[in-house]
């Protein structure tokens, strides 16, 4: 391969890498915006991010109890 072909190939690879970097930075910015929105929603619900797993478990238990209560109010089939 001639030098000019190798240089052209390197230039193309650099351009591809630059495009990938730009797309990756844009995606990172979008993800950071989403993260801030989620954290803001959690703050509005008075939930700390580190307490999220506990809160999910608490809500799952509450749903389970309410479903059990609703099922117990239905007439039993014979």
PDB file of N, CA and C in Angstrom:
ATOM      1  N   UNK A   1       0.856  -1.178   0.000  1.00  0.00           N
ATOM      2  CA  UNK A   1       0.000   0.000   0.000  1.00  0.00           C
ATOM      3  C   UNK A   1       0.904   1.245   0.000  1.00  0.00           C
ATOM      4  N   UNK A   2       0.505   2.187  -0.786  1.00  0.00           N
ATOM      5  CA  UNK A   2       1.297   3.411  -0.889  1.00  0.00           C
ATOM      6  C   UNK A   2       1.058   4.308   0.319  1.00  0.00           C
ATOM      7  N   UNK A   3       1.985   5.206   0.538  1.00  0.00           N
ATOM      8  CA  UNK A   3       1.897   6.103   1.685  1.00  0.00           C
ATOM      9  C   UNK A   3       0.622   6.940   1.649  1.00  0.00           C
ATOM     10  N   UNK A   4       0.283   7.472   0.484  1.00  0.00           N
ATOM     11  CA  UNK A   4      -0.912   8.318   0.406  1.00  0.00           C
ATOM     12  C   UNK A   4      -2.175   7.528   0.696  1.00  0.00           C
ATOM     13  N   UNK A   5      -2.215   6.252   0.303  1.00  0.00           N
ATOM     14  CA  UNK A   5      -3.372   5.403   0.612  1.00  0.00           C
ATOM     15  C   UNK A   5      -3.446   5.126   2.107  1.00  0.00           C
ATOM     16  N   UNK A   6      -2.304   4.865   2.705  1.00  0.00           N
ATOM     17  CA  UNK A   6      -2.261   4.612   4.147  1.00  0.00           C
ATOM     18  C   UNK A   6      -2.676   5.852   4.925  1.00  0.00           C
ATOM     19  N   UNK A   7      -2.180   6.993   4.472  1.00  0.00           N
ATOM     20  CA  UNK A   7      -2.542   8.256   5.132  1.00  0.00           C
ATOM     21  C   UNK A   7      -4.034   8.522   4.975  1.00  0.00           C
ATOM     22  N   UNK A   8      -4.580   8.260   3.792  1.00  0.00           N
ATOM     23  CA  UNK A   8      -6.012   8.452   3.548  1.00  0.00           C
ATOM     24  C   UNK A   8      -6.838   7.522   4.442  1.00  0.00           C
ATOM     25  N   UNK A   9      -6.377   6.278   4.553  1.00  0.00           N
ATOM     26  CA  UNK A   9      -7.075   5.319   5.423  1.00  0.00           C
ATOM     27  C   UNK A   9      -7.035   5.780   6.882  1.00  0.00           C
ATOM     28  N   UNK A  10      -5.878   6.248   7.331  1.00  0.00           N
ATOM     29  CA  UNK A  10      -5.764   6.761   8.694  1.00  0.00           C
ATOM     30  C   UNK A  10      -6.694   7.947   8.914  1.00  0.00           C
ATOM     31  N   UNK A  11      -6.764   8.844   7.920  1.00  0.00           N
ATOM     32  CA  UNK A  11      -7.642  10.003   8.018  1.00  0.00           C
ATOM     33  C   UNK A  11      -9.103   9.572   8.146  1.00  0.00           C
ATOM     34  N   UNK A  12      -9.499   8.585   7.344  1.00  0.00           N
ATOM     35  CA  UNK A  12     -10.867   8.074   7.425  1.00  0.00           C
ATOM     36  C   UNK A  12     -11.155   7.487   8.811  1.00  0.00           C
ATOM     37  N   UNK A  13     -10.213   6.734   9.340  1.00  0.00           N
ATOM     38  CA  UNK A  13     -10.393   6.136  10.671  1.00  0.00           C
ATOM     39  C   UNK A  13     -10.475   7.218  11.748  1.00  0.00           C
ATOM     40  N   UNK A  14      -9.682   8.247  11.617  1.00  0.00           N
ATOM     41  CA  UNK A  14      -9.735   9.365  12.569  1.00  0.00           C
ATOM     42  C   UNK A  14     -11.090  10.060  12.497  1.00  0.00           C
ATOM     43  N   UNK A  15     -11.592  10.262  11.271  1.00  0.00           N
ATOM     44  CA  UNK A  15     -12.905  10.884  11.097  1.00  0.00           C
ATOM     45  C   UNK A  15     -14.012  10.037  11.726  1.00  0.00           C
ATOM     46  N   UNK A  16     -13.932   8.715  11.522  1.00  0.00           N
ATOM     47  CA  UNK A  16     -14.929   7.811  12.121  1.00  0.00           C
ATOM     48  C   UNK A  16     -14.862   7.880  13.645  1.00  0.00           C
ATOM     49  N   UNK A  17     -13.650   7.886  14.177  1.00  0.00           N
ATOM     50  CA  UNK A  17     -13.477   7.953  15.635  1.00  0.00           C
ATOM     51  C   UNK A  17     -14.001   9.281  16.171  1.00  0.00           C
ATOM     52  N   UNK A  18     -13.767  10.364  15.444  1.00  0.00           N
ATOM     53  CA  UNK A  18     -14.248  11.682  15.865  1.00  0.00           C
ATOM     54  C   UNK A  18     -15.785  11.708  15.880  1.00  0.00           C
ATOM     55  N   UNK A  19     -16.402  11.124  14.834  1.00  0.00           N
ATOM     56  CA  UNK A  19     -17.867  11.057  14.780  1.00  0.00           C
ATOM     57  C   UNK A  19     -18.419  10.234  15.940  1.00  0.00           C
ATOM     58  N   UNK A  20     -17.770   9.110  16.210  1.00  0.00           N
ATOM     59  CA  UNK A  20     -18.197   8.264  17.323  1.00  0.00           C
ATOM     60  C   UNK A  20     -18.081   9.010  18.646  1.00  0.00           C
ATOM     61  N   UNK A  21     -17.007   9.756  18.808  1.00  0.00           N
ATOM     62  CA  UNK A  21     -16.807  10.539  20.031  1.00  0.00           C
ATOM     63  C   UNK A  21     -17.916  11.582  20.188  1.00  0.00           C
ATOM     64  N   UNK A  22     -18.259  12.262  19.093  1.00  0.00           N
ATOM     65  CA  UNK A  22     -19.309  13.287  19.141  1.00  0.00           C
ATOM     66  C   UNK A  22     -20.650  12.652  19.499  1.00  0.00           C
ATOM     67  N   UNK A  23     -20.962  11.515  18.868  1.00  0.00           N
ATOM     68  CA  UNK A  23     -22.232  10.832  19.180  1.00  0.00           C
ATOM     69  C   UNK A  23     -22.249  10.352  20.631  1.00  0.00           C
ATOM     70  N   UNK A  24     -21.113   9.838  21.085  1.00  0.00           N
ATOM     71  CA  UNK A  24     -21.027   9.354  22.467  1.00  0.00           C
ATOM     72  C   UNK A  24     -21.190  10.489  23.467  1.00  0.00           C
ATOM     73  N   UNK A  25     -20.590  11.621  23.181  1.00  0.00           N
ATOM     74  CA  UNK A  25     -20.735  12.778  24.073  1.00  0.00           C
ATOM     75  C   UNK A  25     -22.177  13.266  24.105  1.00  0.00           C
ATOM     76  N   UNK A  26     -22.852  13.255  22.945  1.00  0.00           N
ATOM     77  CA  UNK A  26     -24.255  13.678  22.898  1.00  0.00           C
ATOM     78  C   UNK A  26     -25.122  12.706  23.701  1.00  0.00           C
ATOM     79  N   UNK A  27     -24.858  11.411  23.567  1.00  0.00           N
ATOM     80  CA  UNK A  27     -25.618  10.412  24.320  1.00  0.00           C
ATOM     81  C   UNK A  27     -25.375  10.569  25.822  1.00  0.00           C
ATOM     82  N   UNK A  28     -24.122  10.819  26.201  1.00  0.00           N
ATOM     83  CA  UNK A  28     -23.797  11.025  27.608  1.00  0.00           C
ATOM     84  C   UNK A  28     -24.544  12.240  28.159  1.00  0.00           C
ATOM     85  N   UNK A  29     -24.608  13.295  27.373  1.00  0.00           N
ATOM     86  CA  UNK A  29     -25.338  14.488  27.809  1.00  0.00           C
ATOM     87  C   UNK A  29     -26.821  14.175  28.014  1.00  0.00           C
ATOM     88  N   UNK A  30     -27.409  13.411  27.086  1.00  0.00           N
ATOM     89  CA  UNK A  30     -28.816  13.020  27.236  1.00  0.00           C
ATOM     90  C   UNK A  30     -29.023  12.187  28.492  1.00  0.00           C
ATOM     91  N   UNK A  31     -28.120  11.250  28.729  1.00  0.00           N
ATOM     92  CA  UNK A  31     -28.236  10.398  29.915  1.00  0.00           C
ATOM     93  C   UNK A  31     -28.089  11.206  31.201  1.00  0.00           C
ATOM     94  N   UNK A  32     -27.201  12.187  31.210  1.00  0.00           N
ATOM     95  CA  UNK A  32     -27.049  13.036  32.389  1.00  0.00           C
ATOM     96  C   UNK A  32     -28.310  13.861  32.635  1.00  0.00           C
ATOM     97  N   UNK A  33     -28.939  14.339  31.569  1.00  0.00           N
ATOM     98  CA  UNK A  33     -30.196  15.084  31.703  1.00  0.00           C
ATOM     99  C   UNK A  33     -31.274  14.169  32.278  1.00  0.00           C
ATOM    100  N   UNK A  34     -31.374  12.938  31.752  1.00  0.00           N
ATOM    101  CA  UNK A  34     -32.358  11.979  32.274  1.00  0.00           C
ATOM    102  C   UNK A  34     -32.091  11.677  33.750  1.00  0.00           C
ATOM    103  N   UNK A  35     -30.826  11.507  34.087  1.00  0.00           N
ATOM    104  CA  UNK A  35     -30.456  11.218  35.477  1.00  0.00           C
ATOM    105  C   UNK A  35     -30.930  12.338  36.395  1.00  0.00           C
ATOM    106  N   UNK A  36     -30.675  13.578  35.993  1.00  0.00           N
ATOM    107  CA  UNK A  36     -31.103  14.721  36.802  1.00  0.00           C
ATOM    108  C   UNK A  36     -32.621  14.790  36.920  1.00  0.00           C
ATOM    109  N   UNK A  37     -33.330  14.455  35.848  1.00  0.00           N
ATOM    110  CA  UNK A  37     -34.791  14.452  35.899  1.00  0.00           C
ATOM    111  C   UNK A  37     -35.290  13.397  36.875  1.00  0.00           C
ATOM    112  N   UNK A  38     -34.681  12.226  36.836  1.00  0.00           N
ATOM    113  CA  UNK A  38     -35.079  11.148  37.750  1.00  0.00           C
ATOM    114  C   UNK A  38     -34.780  11.530  39.194  1.00  0.00           C
ATOM    115  N   UNK A  39     -33.609  12.091  39.424  1.00  0.00           N
ATOM    116  CA  UNK A  39     -33.264  12.516  40.786  1.00  0.00           C
ATOM    117  C   UNK A  39     -34.212  13.607  41.273  1.00  0.00           C
ATOM    118  N   UNK A  40     -34.613  14.491  40.382  1.00  0.00           N
ATOM    119  CA  UNK A  40     -35.555  15.541  40.744  1.00  0.00           C
ATOM    120  C   UNK A  40     -36.916  14.940  41.109  1.00  0.00           C
ATOM    121  N   UNK A  41     -37.358  13.962  40.317  1.00  0.00           N
ATOM    122  CA  UNK A  41     -38.633  13.291  40.625  1.00  0.00           C
ATOM    123  C   UNK A  41     -38.559  12.589  41.975  1.00  0.00           C
ATOM    124  N   UNK A  42     -37.434  11.940  42.249  1.00  0.00           N
ATOM    125  CA  UNK A  42     -37.273  11.270  43.540  1.00  0.00           C
ATOM    126  C   UNK A  42     -37.325  12.271  44.684  1.00  0.00           C
ATOM    127  N   UNK A  43     -36.661  13.415  44.507  1.00  0.00           N
ATOM    128  CA  UNK A  43     -36.696  14.451  45.551  1.00  0.00           C
ATOM    129  C   UNK A  43     -38.128  14.935  45.771  1.00  0.00           C
ATOM    130  N   UNK A  44     -38.891  15.093  44.679  1.00  0.00           N
ATOM    131  CA  UNK A  44     -40.294  15.521  44.805  1.00  0.00           C
ATOM    132  C   UNK A  44     -41.127  14.499  45.568  1.00  0.00           C
ATOM    133  N   UNK A  45     -40.723  13.237  45.497  1.00  0.00           N
ATOM    134  CA  UNK A  45     -41.420  12.174  46.226  1.00  0.00           C
ATOM    135  C   UNK A  45     -40.815  11.939  47.611  1.00  0.00           C
ATOM    136  N   UNK A  46     -39.865  12.782  47.983  1.00  0.00           N
ATOM    137  CA  UNK A  46     -39.162  12.656  49.264  1.00  0.00           C
ATOM    138  C   UNK A  46     -38.483  11.297  49.422  1.00  0.00           C
ATOM    139  N   UNK A  47     -37.869  10.831  48.337  1.00  0.00           N
ATOM    140  CA  UNK A  47     -37.138   9.567  48.352  1.00  0.00           C
ATOM    141  C   UNK A  47     -35.688   9.856  47.991  1.00  0.00           C
ATOM    142  N   UNK A  48     -34.804   9.375  48.835  1.00  0.00           N
ATOM    143  CA  UNK A  48     -33.379   9.509  48.552  1.00  0.00           C
ATOM    144  C   UNK A  48     -32.964   8.368  47.614  1.00  0.00           C
ATOM    145  N   UNK A  49     -32.081   8.630  46.666  1.00  0.00           N
ATOM    146  CA  UNK A  49     -31.666   7.574  45.731  1.00  0.00           C
ATOM    147  C   UNK A  49     -31.169   6.312  46.430  1.00  0.00           C
ATOM    148  N   UNK A  50     -30.454   6.482  47.530  1.00  0.00           N
ATOM    149  CA  UNK A  50     -29.932   5.305  48.227  1.00  0.00           C
ATOM    150  C   UNK A  50     -31.035   4.500  48.920  1.00  0.00           C
ATOM    151  N   UNK A  51     -32.231   5.091  49.072  1.00  0.00           N
ATOM    152  CA  UNK A  51     -33.362   4.403  49.705  1.00  0.00           C
ATOM    153  C   UNK A  51     -34.325   3.811  48.687  1.00  0.00           C
ATOM    154  N   UNK A  52     -33.998   3.901  47.422  1.00  0.00           N
ATOM    155  CA  UNK A  52     -34.919   3.497  46.366  1.00  0.00           C
ATOM    156  C   UNK A  52     -35.274   2.016  46.431  1.00  0.00           C
ATOM    157  N   UNK A  53     -34.296   1.151  46.640  1.00  0.00           N
ATOM    158  CA  UNK A  53     -34.566  -0.289  46.730  1.00  0.00           C
ATOM    159  C   UNK A  53     -35.526  -0.595  47.883  1.00  0.00           C
ATOM    160  N   UNK A  54     -35.293   0.027  49.031  1.00  0.00           N
ATOM    161  CA  UNK A  54     -36.182  -0.179  50.175  1.00  0.00           C
ATOM    162  C   UNK A  54     -37.590   0.311  49.863  1.00  0.00           C
ATOM    163  N   UNK A  55     -37.682   1.445  49.194  1.00  0.00           N
ATOM    164  CA  UNK A  55     -38.987   2.004  48.840  1.00  0.00           C
ATOM    165  C   UNK A  55     -39.728   1.083  47.867  1.00  0.00           C
ATOM    166  N   UNK A  56     -39.014   0.508  46.922  1.00  0.00           N
ATOM    167  CA  UNK A  56     -39.629  -0.429  45.974  1.00  0.00           C
ATOM    168  C   UNK A  56     -40.156  -1.650  46.720  1.00  0.00           C
ATOM    169  N   UNK A  57     -39.365  -2.191  47.634  1.00  0.00           N
ATOM    170  CA  UNK A  57     -39.808  -3.351  48.434  1.00  0.00           C
ATOM    171  C   UNK A  57     -41.042  -3.000  49.253  1.00  0.00           C
ATOM    172  N   UNK A  58     -41.030  -1.821  49.860  1.00  0.00           N
ATOM    173  CA  UNK A  58     -42.163  -1.363  50.665  1.00  0.00           C
ATOM    174  C   UNK A  58     -43.431  -1.279  49.809  1.00  0.00           C
ATOM    175  N   UNK A  59     -43.306  -0.716  48.614  1.00  0.00           N
ATOM    176  CA  UNK A  59     -44.465  -0.590  47.734  1.00  0.00           C
ATOM    177  C   UNK A  59     -44.944  -1.949  47.225  1.00  0.00           C
ATOM    178  N   UNK A  60     -44.016  -2.858  46.945  1.00  0.00           N
ATOM    179  CA  UNK A  60     -44.404  -4.202  46.524  1.00  0.00           C
ATOM    180  C   UNK A  60     -45.181  -4.905  47.632  1.00  0.00           C
ATOM    181  N   UNK A  61     -44.718  -4.757  48.878  1.00  0.00           N
ATOM    182  CA  UNK A  61     -45.430  -5.359  50.015  1.00  0.00           C
ATOM    183  C   UNK A  61     -46.819  -4.747  50.171  1.00  0.00           C
ATOM    184  N   UNK A  62     -46.910  -3.448  50.007  1.00  0.00           N
ATOM    185  CA  UNK A  62     -48.204  -2.770  50.118  1.00  0.00           C
ATOM    186  C   UNK A  62     -49.157  -3.254  49.040  1.00  0.00           C
ATOM    187  N   UNK A  63     -48.666  -3.412  47.816  1.00  0.00           N
ATOM    188  CA  UNK A  63     -49.501  -3.919  46.721  1.00  0.00           C
ATOM    189  C   UNK A  63     -49.973  -5.326  47.035  1.00  0.00           C
ATOM    190  N   UNK A  64     -49.057  -6.160  47.524  1.00  0.00           N
ATOM    191  CA  UNK A  64     -49.404  -7.541  47.863  1.00  0.00           C
ATOM    192  C   UNK A  64     -50.492  -7.585  48.938  1.00  0.00           C
ATOM    193  N   UNK A  65     -50.368  -6.754  49.965  1.00  0.00           N
ATOM    194  CA  UNK A  65     -51.367  -6.704  51.033  1.00  0.00           C
ATOM    195  C   UNK A  65     -52.719  -6.237  50.514  1.00  0.00           C
ATOM    196  N   UNK A  66     -52.706  -5.219  49.669  1.00  0.00           N
ATOM    197  CA  UNK A  66     -53.961  -4.705  49.124  1.00  0.00           C
ATOM    198  C   UNK A  66     -54.628  -5.730  48.202  1.00  0.00           C
ATOM    199  N   UNK A  67     -53.841  -6.451  47.417  1.00  0.00           N
ATOM    200  CA  UNK A  67     -54.419  -7.497  46.569  1.00  0.00           C
ATOM    201  C   UNK A  67     -55.018  -8.613  47.417  1.00  0.00           C
ATOM    202  N   UNK A  68     -54.307  -9.010  48.467  1.00  0.00           N
ATOM    203  CA  UNK A  68     -54.817 -10.038  49.362  1.00  0.00           C
ATOM    204  C   UNK A  68     -56.135  -9.590  50.000  1.00  0.00           C
ATOM    205  N   UNK A  69     -56.177  -8.338  50.427  1.00  0.00           N
ATOM    206  CA  UNK A  69     -57.393  -7.791  51.042  1.00  0.00           C
ATOM    207  C   UNK A  69     -58.538  -7.774  50.041  1.00  0.00           C
ATOM    208  N   UNK A  70     -58.266  -7.330  48.806  1.00  0.00           N
ATOM    209  CA  UNK A  70     -59.307  -7.287  47.783  1.00  0.00           C
ATOM    210  C   UNK A  70     -59.802  -8.680  47.472  1.00  0.00           C
ATOM    211  N   UNK A  71     -58.898  -9.647  47.372  1.00  0.00           N
ATOM    212  CA  UNK A  71     -59.293 -11.031  47.073  1.00  0.00           C
ATOM    213  C   UNK A  71     -60.124 -11.611  48.221  1.00  0.00           C
ATOM    214  N   UNK A  72     -59.806 -11.225  49.435  1.00  0.00           N
ATOM    215  CA  UNK A  72     -60.541 -11.776  50.579  1.00  0.00           C
ATOM    216  C   UNK A  72     -61.961 -11.204  50.652  1.00  0.00           C
ATOM    217  N   UNK A  73     -62.211 -10.088  50.014  1.00  0.00           N
ATOM    218  CA  UNK A  73     -63.536  -9.484  50.029  1.00  0.00           C
ATOM    219  C   UNK A  73     -64.456 -10.086  48.962  1.00  0.00           C
ATOM    220  N   UNK A  74     -63.889 -10.818  48.022  1.00  0.00           N
ATOM    221  CA  UNK A  74     -64.713 -11.431  46.967  1.00  0.00           C
ATOM    222  C   UNK A  74     -65.379 -12.686  47.518  1.00  0.00           C
ATOM    223  N   UNK A  75     -66.585 -12.975  47.009  1.00  0.00           N
ATOM    224  CA  UNK A  75     -67.244 -14.199  47.470  1.00  0.00           C
ATOM    225  C   UNK A  75     -66.445 -15.436  47.045  1.00  0.00           C
ATOM    226  N   UNK A  76     -66.441 -16.431  47.900  1.00  0.00           N
ATOM    227  CA  UNK A  76     -65.703 -17.655  47.622  1.00  0.00           C
ATOM    228  C   UNK A  76     -66.535 -18.543  46.691  1.00  0.00           C
ATOM    229  N   UNK A  77     -65.837 -19.171  45.723  1.00  0.00           N
ATOM    230  CA  UNK A  77     -66.515 -20.116  44.824  1.00  0.00           C
ATOM    231  C   UNK A  77     -66.579 -21.470  45.485  1.00  0.00           C
ATOM    232  N   UNK A  78     -67.668 -22.174  45.245  1.00  0.00           N
ATOM    233  CA  UNK A  78     -67.829 -23.527  45.833  1.00  0.00           C
ATOM    234  C   UNK A  78     -67.544 -24.572  44.822  1.00  0.00           C
TER     235      UNK A  78
END
